[in-house]
Amino acid sequence: MSNAELKKAGLKVTLPRLKILEMLENADPRHMSAEDVYRQLIEAGEEIGLATVYRVLTQFEAAGLVVRHNFDGGHALFELDDGEHHDHMVSVEDGSVIEFMDEVIEKRQKQIAEEHGYELVDHSLVLYVRPKAK
């Protein structure tokens, strides 16, 4: 994302916003908590406070730049909104998040909504998983 995209989202271009956006663009793993972003900024030698990280992430969410996920048992995780729909699996053992997309599941969810007289406008599917015992 560029300065122009921040401006288009209605946000003034500031160093903290640019640095946090850069962290999210290069995030590995892709889903990061505010604390994860803060820790990586500190490791990179950036002097941006945790309160600023929270404030910027909230602003990014309001502007539609990031999506906030509140998975059970954990704090909020953020990911850049790339406009591509996907669902999530969350490991109950270590909290790791795995993205997936399944056309059959997507189609069935639309069918279920229609069977009940509705049109599906959005959804969030989270599967809580653990590694299979060997």
N, C-alpha and C. Protein backbone atom coordinates (compact mmCIF):
# COMPACT_ATOMS: atom_id res chain seq x y z
N MET A 1 0.84 -1.18 0.00
CA MET A 1 0.00 0.00 0.00
C MET A 1 0.88 1.24 0.00
N SER A 2 0.36 2.27 -0.53
CA SER A 2 1.13 3.49 -0.68
C SER A 2 0.52 4.63 0.12
N ASN A 3 1.24 5.76 0.09
CA ASN A 3 0.72 6.96 0.73
C ASN A 3 -0.65 7.31 0.15
N ALA A 4 -0.79 7.15 -1.16
CA ALA A 4 -2.05 7.49 -1.83
C ALA A 4 -3.19 6.63 -1.30
N GLU A 5 -2.91 5.36 -1.02
CA GLU A 5 -3.96 4.48 -0.51
C GLU A 5 -4.37 4.86 0.91
N LEU A 6 -3.42 5.31 1.71
CA LEU A 6 -3.77 5.81 3.04
C LEU A 6 -4.66 7.04 2.92
N LYS A 7 -4.27 7.95 2.02
CA LYS A 7 -5.07 9.17 1.82
C LYS A 7 -6.45 8.83 1.30
N LYS A 8 -6.52 7.87 0.36
CA LYS A 8 -7.81 7.46 -0.20
C LYS A 8 -8.71 6.90 0.89
N ALA A 9 -8.12 6.24 1.88
CA ALA A 9 -8.89 5.69 3.00
C ALA A 9 -9.27 6.78 4.00
N GLY A 10 -8.86 8.02 3.72
CA GLY A 10 -9.21 9.14 4.59
C GLY A 10 -8.26 9.31 5.76
N LEU A 11 -7.07 8.72 5.65
CA LEU A 11 -6.10 8.82 6.74
C LEU A 11 -4.90 9.67 6.34
N LYS A 12 -4.49 10.52 7.24
CA LYS A 12 -3.30 11.33 7.02
C LYS A 12 -2.08 10.40 7.03
N VAL A 13 -1.14 10.67 6.16
CA VAL A 13 0.06 9.84 6.09
C VAL A 13 1.00 10.25 7.21
N THR A 14 1.23 9.32 8.14
CA THR A 14 2.16 9.57 9.24
C THR A 14 3.16 8.42 9.29
N LEU A 15 4.30 8.66 9.91
CA LEU A 15 5.32 7.62 10.01
C LEU A 15 4.79 6.38 10.74
N PRO A 16 4.12 6.53 11.89
CA PRO A 16 3.59 5.32 12.55
C PRO A 16 2.64 4.53 11.65
N ARG A 17 1.76 5.23 10.94
CA ARG A 17 0.82 4.52 10.06
C ARG A 17 1.57 3.77 8.96
N LEU A 18 2.56 4.43 8.36
CA LEU A 18 3.33 3.78 7.31
C LEU A 18 4.09 2.57 7.83
N LYS A 19 4.70 2.70 8.99
CA LYS A 19 5.48 1.59 9.57
C LYS A 19 4.57 0.41 9.92
N ILE A 20 3.40 0.70 10.51
CA ILE A 20 2.48 -0.37 10.89
C ILE A 20 1.90 -1.04 9.65
N LEU A 21 1.60 -0.25 8.63
CA LEU A 21 1.11 -0.81 7.38
C LEU A 21 2.16 -1.72 6.75
N GLU A 22 3.40 -1.28 6.80
CA GLU A 22 4.51 -2.08 6.26
C GLU A 22 4.64 -3.41 7.03
N MET A 23 4.50 -3.35 8.35
CA MET A 23 4.56 -4.58 9.17
C MET A 23 3.45 -5.55 8.75
N LEU A 24 2.25 -5.04 8.56
CA LEU A 24 1.13 -5.90 8.18
C LEU A 24 1.30 -6.47 6.78
N GLU A 25 1.86 -5.67 5.88
CA GLU A 25 2.06 -6.15 4.51
C GLU A 25 3.08 -7.28 4.45
N ASN A 26 4.07 -7.25 5.34
CA ASN A 26 5.13 -8.25 5.35
C ASN A 26 4.96 -9.27 6.47
N ALA A 27 3.77 -9.31 7.06
CA ALA A 27 3.54 -10.14 8.24
C ALA A 27 3.68 -11.63 7.92
N ASP A 28 4.39 -12.31 8.77
CA ASP A 28 4.48 -13.76 8.74
C ASP A 28 4.58 -14.22 10.19
N PRO A 29 3.52 -14.71 10.78
CA PRO A 29 2.26 -15.09 10.14
C PRO A 29 1.44 -13.86 9.75
N ARG A 30 0.48 -14.10 8.88
CA ARG A 30 -0.35 -13.04 8.30
C ARG A 30 -1.27 -12.39 9.33
N HIS A 31 -1.68 -13.12 10.35
CA HIS A 31 -2.58 -12.62 11.38
C HIS A 31 -1.75 -12.21 12.59
N MET A 32 -1.83 -10.94 12.94
CA MET A 32 -1.00 -10.41 14.03
C MET A 32 -1.86 -9.68 15.05
N SER A 33 -1.49 -9.84 16.31
CA SER A 33 -2.12 -9.05 17.37
C SER A 33 -1.43 -7.69 17.41
N ALA A 34 -2.03 -6.75 18.10
CA ALA A 34 -1.39 -5.44 18.28
C ALA A 34 -0.04 -5.61 18.97
N GLU A 35 0.01 -6.55 19.91
CA GLU A 35 1.27 -6.81 20.62
C GLU A 35 2.33 -7.36 19.69
N ASP A 36 1.92 -8.22 18.74
CA ASP A 36 2.86 -8.75 17.76
C ASP A 36 3.45 -7.62 16.91
N VAL A 37 2.57 -6.72 16.45
CA VAL A 37 3.01 -5.58 15.63
C VAL A 37 3.98 -4.73 16.44
N TYR A 38 3.61 -4.44 17.68
CA TYR A 38 4.45 -3.61 18.56
C TYR A 38 5.82 -4.25 18.76
N ARG A 39 5.83 -5.55 19.06
CA ARG A 39 7.09 -6.27 19.29
C ARG A 39 7.99 -6.20 18.05
N GLN A 40 7.41 -6.39 16.87
CA GLN A 40 8.22 -6.34 15.64
C GLN A 40 8.74 -4.92 15.37
N LEU A 41 7.93 -3.91 15.70
CA LEU A 41 8.40 -2.54 15.54
C LEU A 41 9.60 -2.27 16.45
N ILE A 42 9.51 -2.73 17.70
CA ILE A 42 10.62 -2.55 18.65
C ILE A 42 11.87 -3.25 18.14
N GLU A 43 11.69 -4.51 17.66
CA GLU A 43 12.83 -5.28 17.13
C GLU A 43 13.47 -4.59 15.93
N ALA A 44 12.64 -3.85 15.17
CA ALA A 44 13.15 -3.13 13.99
C ALA A 44 13.71 -1.76 14.36
N GLY A 45 13.72 -1.44 15.67
CA GLY A 45 14.29 -0.18 16.12
C GLY A 45 13.35 1.01 16.00
N GLU A 46 12.07 0.75 15.80
CA GLU A 46 11.08 1.83 15.68
C GLU A 46 10.56 2.19 17.07
N GLU A 47 10.43 3.47 17.33
CA GLU A 47 9.93 3.92 18.62
C GLU A 47 8.47 4.34 18.50
N ILE A 48 7.61 3.35 18.42
CA ILE A 48 6.17 3.58 18.33
C ILE A 48 5.54 2.85 19.50
N GLY A 49 4.77 3.57 20.31
CA GLY A 49 4.20 2.99 21.51
C GLY A 49 3.05 2.03 21.24
N LEU A 50 2.78 1.17 22.19
CA LEU A 50 1.71 0.18 22.07
C LEU A 50 0.35 0.87 21.90
N ALA A 51 0.13 1.97 22.62
CA ALA A 51 -1.15 2.69 22.50
C ALA A 51 -1.33 3.22 21.07
N THR A 52 -0.24 3.68 20.46
CA THR A 52 -0.30 4.16 19.07
C THR A 52 -0.63 3.01 18.13
N VAL A 53 -0.03 1.83 18.37
CA VAL A 53 -0.31 0.66 17.54
C VAL A 53 -1.80 0.33 17.60
N TYR A 54 -2.35 0.28 18.82
CA TYR A 54 -3.79 0.01 18.97
C TYR A 54 -4.64 1.05 18.23
N ARG A 55 -4.29 2.32 18.41
CA ARG A 55 -5.06 3.39 17.79
C ARG A 55 -5.01 3.29 16.26
N VAL A 56 -3.82 3.06 15.71
CA VAL A 56 -3.67 2.96 14.25
C VAL A 56 -4.41 1.75 13.71
N LEU A 57 -4.32 0.60 14.38
CA LEU A 57 -5.04 -0.59 13.92
C LEU A 57 -6.55 -0.36 13.92
N THR A 58 -7.05 0.33 14.94
CA THR A 58 -8.47 0.65 15.00
C THR A 58 -8.85 1.59 13.86
N GLN A 59 -8.00 2.57 13.57
CA GLN A 59 -8.24 3.48 12.45
C GLN A 59 -8.23 2.72 11.12
N PHE A 60 -7.27 1.80 10.97
CA PHE A 60 -7.19 0.99 9.75
C PHE A 60 -8.44 0.13 9.59
N GLU A 61 -8.93 -0.41 10.70
CA GLU A 61 -10.14 -1.23 10.64
C GLU A 61 -11.33 -0.37 10.20
N ALA A 62 -11.48 0.81 10.79
CA ALA A 62 -12.59 1.70 10.44
C ALA A 62 -12.51 2.13 8.98
N ALA A 63 -11.30 2.24 8.45
CA ALA A 63 -11.10 2.67 7.06
C ALA A 63 -11.20 1.50 6.08
N GLY A 64 -11.35 0.28 6.60
CA GLY A 64 -11.48 -0.88 5.73
C GLY A 64 -10.16 -1.42 5.21
N LEU A 65 -9.05 -1.01 5.83
CA LEU A 65 -7.74 -1.50 5.39
C LEU A 65 -7.38 -2.83 6.03
N VAL A 66 -7.87 -3.07 7.25
CA VAL A 66 -7.60 -4.33 7.94
C VAL A 66 -8.90 -4.93 8.44
N VAL A 67 -8.83 -6.22 8.69
CA VAL A 67 -9.95 -6.95 9.28
C VAL A 67 -9.50 -7.42 10.65
N ARG A 68 -10.37 -7.22 11.63
CA ARG A 68 -10.10 -7.67 13.00
C ARG A 68 -10.84 -8.99 13.20
N HIS A 69 -10.13 -9.98 13.75
CA HIS A 69 -10.74 -11.27 14.09
C HIS A 69 -10.65 -11.45 15.60
N ASN A 70 -11.74 -11.84 16.20
CA ASN A 70 -11.76 -12.13 17.63
C ASN A 70 -12.03 -13.63 17.81
N PHE A 71 -10.99 -14.42 17.62
CA PHE A 71 -11.14 -15.85 17.76
C PHE A 71 -11.26 -16.20 19.24
N ASP A 72 -12.04 -17.25 19.54
CA ASP A 72 -12.25 -17.66 20.94
C ASP A 72 -10.91 -17.89 21.64
N GLY A 73 -10.86 -17.49 22.88
CA GLY A 73 -9.70 -17.78 23.71
C GLY A 73 -8.48 -16.95 23.43
N GLY A 74 -8.59 -15.97 22.58
CA GLY A 74 -7.41 -15.15 22.29
C GLY A 74 -7.79 -13.70 22.14
N HIS A 75 -6.77 -12.86 21.96
CA HIS A 75 -7.08 -11.46 21.74
C HIS A 75 -7.27 -11.23 20.25
N ALA A 76 -7.62 -10.02 19.91
CA ALA A 76 -7.89 -9.69 18.52
C ALA A 76 -6.65 -9.87 17.66
N LEU A 77 -6.87 -10.43 16.49
CA LEU A 77 -5.81 -10.54 15.49
C LEU A 77 -6.23 -9.72 14.28
N PHE A 78 -5.26 -9.13 13.62
CA PHE A 78 -5.52 -8.27 12.47
C PHE A 78 -4.84 -8.83 11.24
N GLU A 79 -5.49 -8.61 10.08
CA GLU A 79 -4.86 -8.94 8.80
C GLU A 79 -5.28 -7.90 7.80
N LEU A 80 -4.42 -7.64 6.82
CA LEU A 80 -4.77 -6.71 5.76
C LEU A 80 -5.98 -7.24 5.01
N ASP A 81 -6.88 -6.34 4.66
CA ASP A 81 -8.06 -6.72 3.88
C ASP A 81 -7.69 -6.64 2.41
N ASP A 82 -7.44 -7.81 1.81
CA ASP A 82 -7.06 -7.84 0.41
C ASP A 82 -8.26 -8.02 -0.51
N GLY A 83 -9.46 -8.04 0.07
CA GLY A 83 -10.67 -8.18 -0.72
C GLY A 83 -11.01 -9.60 -1.10
N GLU A 84 -10.13 -10.53 -0.78
CA GLU A 84 -10.36 -11.94 -1.10
C GLU A 84 -10.97 -12.63 0.11
N HIS A 85 -12.11 -13.31 -0.09
CA HIS A 85 -12.73 -14.02 1.02
C HIS A 85 -11.98 -15.31 1.33
N HIS A 86 -11.86 -15.60 2.60
CA HIS A 86 -11.33 -16.89 3.04
C HIS A 86 -11.86 -17.16 4.44
N ASP A 87 -11.78 -18.40 4.85
CA ASP A 87 -12.19 -18.79 6.18
C ASP A 87 -10.94 -19.17 6.98
N HIS A 88 -11.15 -19.51 8.24
CA HIS A 88 -10.01 -19.76 9.12
C HIS A 88 -10.16 -21.04 9.92
N MET A 89 -9.03 -21.66 10.20
CA MET A 89 -8.92 -22.72 11.20
C MET A 89 -7.96 -22.19 12.26
N VAL A 90 -8.31 -22.39 13.52
CA VAL A 90 -7.47 -21.93 14.62
C VAL A 90 -7.06 -23.15 15.44
N SER A 91 -5.77 -23.32 15.63
CA SER A 91 -5.28 -24.43 16.44
C SER A 91 -5.57 -24.16 17.91
N VAL A 92 -6.26 -25.11 18.56
CA VAL A 92 -6.56 -24.95 19.98
C VAL A 92 -5.31 -25.17 20.84
N GLU A 93 -4.27 -25.73 20.23
CA GLU A 93 -3.04 -25.99 20.99
C GLU A 93 -2.10 -24.79 21.03
N ASP A 94 -1.90 -24.14 19.88
CA ASP A 94 -0.94 -23.03 19.88
C ASP A 94 -1.50 -21.71 19.36
N GLY A 95 -2.78 -21.70 18.98
CA GLY A 95 -3.40 -20.46 18.53
C GLY A 95 -3.06 -20.06 17.11
N SER A 96 -2.28 -20.89 16.40
CA SER A 96 -1.94 -20.53 15.02
C SER A 96 -3.19 -20.51 14.16
N VAL A 97 -3.16 -19.68 13.13
CA VAL A 97 -4.32 -19.47 12.26
C VAL A 97 -3.96 -19.94 10.86
N ILE A 98 -4.83 -20.78 10.30
CA ILE A 98 -4.64 -21.30 8.95
C ILE A 98 -5.80 -20.80 8.10
N GLU A 99 -5.49 -20.16 6.98
CA GLU A 99 -6.53 -19.69 6.07
C GLU A 99 -6.88 -20.81 5.09
N PHE A 100 -8.16 -20.87 4.71
CA PHE A 100 -8.55 -21.81 3.67
C PHE A 100 -9.75 -21.28 2.92
N MET A 101 -9.95 -21.82 1.72
CA MET A 101 -11.10 -21.46 0.89
C MET A 101 -11.63 -22.76 0.30
N ASP A 102 -12.92 -22.98 0.44
CA ASP A 102 -13.53 -24.20 -0.08
C ASP A 102 -14.82 -23.84 -0.80
N GLU A 103 -14.84 -24.04 -2.11
CA GLU A 103 -16.00 -23.68 -2.93
C GLU A 103 -17.26 -24.43 -2.51
N VAL A 104 -17.11 -25.70 -2.10
CA VAL A 104 -18.28 -26.49 -1.70
C VAL A 104 -18.92 -25.89 -0.45
N ILE A 105 -18.10 -25.51 0.52
CA ILE A 105 -18.62 -24.88 1.75
C ILE A 105 -19.29 -23.55 1.40
N GLU A 106 -18.65 -22.75 0.55
CA GLU A 106 -19.22 -21.46 0.17
C GLU A 106 -20.59 -21.63 -0.49
N LYS A 107 -20.66 -22.56 -1.41
CA LYS A 107 -21.92 -22.82 -2.13
C LYS A 107 -23.01 -23.30 -1.17
N ARG A 108 -22.65 -24.19 -0.27
CA ARG A 108 -23.64 -24.75 0.67
C ARG A 108 -24.18 -23.68 1.62
N GLN A 109 -23.32 -22.77 2.06
CA GLN A 109 -23.78 -21.70 2.95
C GLN A 109 -24.81 -20.82 2.25
N LYS A 110 -24.57 -20.51 0.98
CA LYS A 110 -25.54 -19.72 0.21
C LYS A 110 -26.86 -20.47 0.08
N GLN A 111 -26.77 -21.78 -0.18
CA GLN A 111 -27.98 -22.60 -0.31
C GLN A 111 -28.77 -22.61 0.98
N ILE A 112 -28.09 -22.76 2.10
CA ILE A 112 -28.77 -22.80 3.41
C ILE A 112 -29.51 -21.49 3.65
N ALA A 113 -28.86 -20.37 3.37
CA ALA A 113 -29.51 -19.07 3.55
C ALA A 113 -30.76 -18.98 2.66
N GLU A 114 -30.62 -19.40 1.41
CA GLU A 114 -31.75 -19.34 0.48
C GLU A 114 -32.89 -20.26 0.91
N GLU A 115 -32.55 -21.44 1.42
CA GLU A 115 -33.58 -22.38 1.89
C GLU A 115 -34.40 -21.78 3.03
N HIS A 116 -33.81 -20.85 3.75
CA HIS A 116 -34.51 -20.19 4.85
C HIS A 116 -35.09 -18.84 4.44
N GLY A 117 -35.03 -18.55 3.13
CA GLY A 117 -35.62 -17.32 2.63
C GLY A 117 -34.74 -16.09 2.74
N TYR A 118 -33.43 -16.30 2.78
CA TYR A 118 -32.50 -15.18 2.92
C TYR A 118 -31.47 -15.18 1.80
N GLU A 119 -30.82 -14.04 1.68
CA GLU A 119 -29.68 -13.90 0.77
C GLU A 119 -28.45 -13.72 1.64
N LEU A 120 -27.43 -14.50 1.41
CA LEU A 120 -26.19 -14.41 2.19
C LEU A 120 -25.42 -13.16 1.76
N VAL A 121 -25.13 -12.28 2.71
CA VAL A 121 -24.38 -11.07 2.39
C VAL A 121 -22.95 -11.13 2.90
N ASP A 122 -22.73 -11.87 3.95
CA ASP A 122 -21.38 -12.02 4.49
C ASP A 122 -21.41 -13.16 5.49
N HIS A 123 -20.25 -13.69 5.80
CA HIS A 123 -20.18 -14.71 6.84
C HIS A 123 -18.74 -14.84 7.34
N SER A 124 -18.64 -15.48 8.47
CA SER A 124 -17.34 -15.77 9.05
C SER A 124 -17.38 -17.21 9.54
N LEU A 125 -16.49 -18.02 9.03
CA LEU A 125 -16.42 -19.42 9.44
C LEU A 125 -15.07 -19.66 10.08
N VAL A 126 -15.12 -20.15 11.31
CA VAL A 126 -13.87 -20.47 12.03
C VAL A 126 -14.00 -21.90 12.53
N LEU A 127 -13.02 -22.71 12.16
CA LEU A 127 -12.95 -24.09 12.65
C LEU A 127 -11.85 -24.14 13.70
N TYR A 128 -12.15 -24.71 14.85
CA TYR A 128 -11.14 -24.86 15.90
C TYR A 128 -10.61 -26.28 15.80
N VAL A 129 -9.31 -26.41 15.61
CA VAL A 129 -8.71 -27.69 15.26
C VAL A 129 -7.54 -28.02 16.18
N ARG A 130 -7.18 -29.31 16.17
CA ARG A 130 -5.94 -29.76 16.81
C ARG A 130 -5.33 -30.82 15.90
N PRO A 131 -4.02 -30.98 15.96
CA PRO A 131 -3.39 -32.00 15.11
C PRO A 131 -3.95 -33.39 15.45
N LYS A 132 -4.11 -34.19 14.42
CA LYS A 132 -4.59 -35.57 14.63
C LYS A 132 -3.55 -36.34 15.42
N ALA A 133 -4.05 -37.20 16.32
CA ALA A 133 -3.15 -38.09 17.06
C ALA A 133 -2.59 -39.11 16.08
N LYS A 134 -1.33 -39.42 16.25
CA LYS A 134 -0.69 -40.37 15.31
C LYS A 134 -0.73 -41.77 15.84
